[in-house]
């Protein structure tokens, strides 16, 4: 059986974290049955660590501390994390959203325990801090099934002093005044009709045994949480889809591609959009210069960019550069996540929308044309691909690279005229469909099924639009990611 590691976040209540850690060590044979054999307790000082959790307190420092420790555990590949702090469970969902490691829910553990103890409709007496009480945490988990009662204001003050006072539990006192105060508040809640007392401080577990001896049944939440961990079947959380983009090839095309992803995403609010991580590196050597003039090879730079995206948690990579796809075959075997091949998607889109046997004109850099990467994909799909004659290919290159071209920041005027002239030339050569096969060209002309040129009407296909739609389908789960073969 795989040996699993359980991380425990300390520092939120030193005695409580140590208590849970000790319980896990003592129950190691039972915990091992679920695969957990190694335990890591991480504890650091942080601002306001020992402050009383009153209504006006800020949890920001606590929240950042919890997230940083969780990140540390994730980097050490723990299989699950314990968060022994009720106040931190008020923002547990925020932390879990950013983690792929399960952050075990102490409130769920308590909920299961209570369901075994009392019937729905029973009254629960809640002993927790001012802050947690105000947050509505217990209402979230128990309000629909049980009636909740809290201490009256003067008794709540006694409870807070029991935990945070000079002679309170956080100061290491588990007898004397702290025990008397806990007993007083428990009896107060029982007098209000509580059928079961429910702890909302992990520190109260240190008093539970003493209270039991005095006839007060206060469940030990640390023990309950530790037992919950023993029976937890650890598995990685399903990570939300994150797209990696190799940017800077070129810079304007990268921004255009991201806009297309946003435009194609069915979103009602910001949170509905796709997680994206971009490696914006305009210093990646020019792909066309390498292929045509044997200049600097961009393969290593492209692989390095993809590796950084992989390390950042991307589940698939998009490269909004047609010419760069001449190097994809070399770098894909060195990656564990797939590069979504824009060229394959474009040809598949043409076949799906327009059928096989069509003559398709390719408007692209000389490097893309020389590499024959589009031609190979088109031939395999039964698509006849043609490129402009040299004179008109130069017009395409000028529209992209010249001082009046799109890479120089122009999107109208001479560069657009040159592109339209190349389209007209291909249309005269029987092309019915045109691929805007350089990612800057859609900045001049947009995708359309009816582009008039002379006395003809042709379709313009934007590969980055096709790629953006593919990325959205992968993110929404309507299509599955094809993992690269080993």
Foldseek 3Di string as FASTA:
>chain_A
DAAAEEEEEALLQNVLSVVLVVVCVVCQVLLCVLRYNHYHYDHDHWPCSQPAQAQPDDCVRVQVSVLVVLVVVVVVPGQEYEYQALLNLLCVVVSVLVFQHHHDDLLVLLLVVVVVVDFFAAEEEEQAGNNSVVSCPCCVRRVVGYHYDYFDPVLNVLSSCCDRNPQHVSVVHQDDSSLVSVLVRLVRSVVVRHPAYEYNGLSCLSNQVVVVVVVRHYDNSSNSSSVVSSPDNGDTHPHFAEEEEEAPLPNVLVVVLVVLLVVLQPDPDPVSGHHYDYDHDVPQDNLQCCQPVVPDDSLVVVLVSVVVSVVVPHQEYEYLFLSCLLNQVVRQVVDFHYYDRLLLLQLVVCCVVPNAPAEEEELHQPSNVSSCPNVVSCVVVRYHYDYFDPVLNVLSVCCDDNCCHVVVPHQDDSSLVSVLVRVLRVVVVRHQEYENNGSSVCSNPPFDQFDDRPPHTHTYHYSSSSVSNVSSCCSVVVDDGDTDDD
